[in-house]
Protein backbone atom coordinates (compact mmCIF):
# COMPACT_ATOMS: atom_id res chain seq x y z
CA MET A 1 -48.46 -47.14 50.88
CA ILE A 2 -49.36 -44.73 53.76
CA LYS A 3 -51.39 -41.74 52.47
CA ASP A 4 -51.20 -39.82 55.75
CA ASP A 5 -48.91 -36.80 55.19
CA LYS A 6 -48.19 -36.55 59.18
CA LYS A 7 -47.16 -40.39 58.99
CA ARG A 8 -45.36 -39.76 55.83
CA GLU A 9 -43.00 -37.13 57.38
CA GLU A 10 -42.36 -39.24 60.62
CA MET A 11 -41.17 -42.04 58.17
CA LYS A 12 -38.90 -39.55 56.44
CA LYS A 13 -37.61 -38.18 59.74
CA ILE A 14 -36.65 -41.56 60.69
CA ILE A 15 -34.90 -42.22 57.45
CA ARG A 16 -33.02 -38.84 57.54
CA GLU A 17 -31.84 -39.24 61.37
CA ASN A 18 -30.69 -42.92 60.64
CA PRO A 19 -28.49 -42.89 57.61
CA GLU A 20 -25.84 -45.20 59.07
CA LYS A 21 -28.40 -47.97 59.59
CA THR A 22 -28.99 -50.62 56.97
CA LEU A 23 -32.27 -50.41 54.64
CA ASN A 24 -33.78 -53.48 56.88
CA GLU A 25 -33.22 -51.60 60.16
CA GLN A 26 -34.73 -48.50 58.97
CA LYS A 27 -37.57 -50.47 57.56
CA ASN A 28 -38.17 -52.18 60.89
CA MET A 29 -37.77 -48.91 62.76
CA ILE A 30 -40.63 -47.30 60.72
CA LYS A 31 -42.68 -50.49 61.11
CA GLY A 32 -42.55 -49.97 64.67
CA ILE A 33 -44.31 -46.71 64.56
CA LEU A 34 -47.16 -48.04 62.40
CA PRO A 35 -50.19 -49.62 63.64
CA LYS A 36 -50.60 -53.21 63.10
CA GLY A 37 -52.72 -53.06 59.85
CA GLU A 38 -50.34 -50.78 58.29
CA ARG A 39 -47.35 -52.35 59.64
CA GLU A 40 -47.95 -55.62 57.44
CA GLU A 41 -48.83 -53.40 54.38
CA PHE A 42 -45.35 -51.52 54.58
CA THR A 43 -42.82 -53.16 52.25
CA PHE A 44 -39.47 -52.71 51.08
CA ASN A 45 -40.63 -50.75 48.01
CA ASP A 46 -42.30 -48.42 50.13
CA LEU A 47 -39.17 -47.57 52.03
CA VAL A 48 -37.50 -47.15 48.80
CA GLU A 49 -40.22 -44.82 47.61
CA LEU A 50 -39.95 -42.68 50.79
CA ILE A 51 -36.06 -42.33 50.13
CA SER A 52 -36.41 -41.42 46.47
CA GLU A 53 -38.79 -38.82 47.68
CA ILE A 54 -36.31 -37.47 50.34
CA ASN A 55 -33.52 -37.51 47.63
CA GLN A 56 -35.80 -35.07 45.39
CA GLU A 57 -36.50 -32.57 48.13
CA ARG A 58 -32.72 -32.52 48.63
CA LYS A 59 -32.32 -31.86 44.99
CA LYS A 60 -34.84 -28.96 44.97
CA GLU A 61 -33.22 -27.61 47.98
CA GLU A 62 -29.99 -27.64 46.51
CA GLU A 63 -31.11 -26.10 43.28
CA LYS A 64 -32.75 -23.32 45.28
CA ARG A 65 -29.59 -22.54 47.18
CA LYS A 66 -27.79 -22.35 43.87
CA GLN A 67 -30.32 -19.86 42.41
CA LYS A 68 -29.85 -17.75 45.45
CA VAL A 69 -26.03 -17.40 45.01
CA SER A 70 -24.95 -14.07 43.25
CA PHE A 71 -22.14 -14.32 40.73
CA ARG A 72 -21.81 -10.56 40.95
CA ARG A 73 -18.21 -9.50 41.77
CA THR A 74 -17.66 -7.48 44.61
CA SER A 75 -15.23 -4.29 43.88
CA SER A 76 -12.05 -4.58 45.95
CA PRO A 77 -9.68 -1.71 46.88
CA ARG A 78 -6.80 -3.56 45.16
CA ASN A 79 -8.75 -3.79 41.99
CA ARG A 80 -9.92 -0.08 41.54
CA GLU A 81 -7.44 1.36 39.17
CA GLY A 82 -6.94 5.13 39.33
CA GLU A 83 -9.58 5.69 42.04
CA GLU A 84 -8.47 6.92 45.60
CA ARG A 85 -8.95 4.54 48.28
């Protein structure tokens, strides 16, 4: 698997931008940006690993968004009893 973080991010970007493409098409697109030596080493398992990393990142972002949501109710003029509006 590619160790260079910059290249990994480029590969993830390709996957994110082309979700409608088949896995084989995505793999070929990624191979197109890699140098010849690394191109031959890139396998389907590497692609699946990248996709699972993307899914983990999405899960973390979703959890962060859920934590930021406040469940405190706002007081509405209709809900106030006995108070002047």
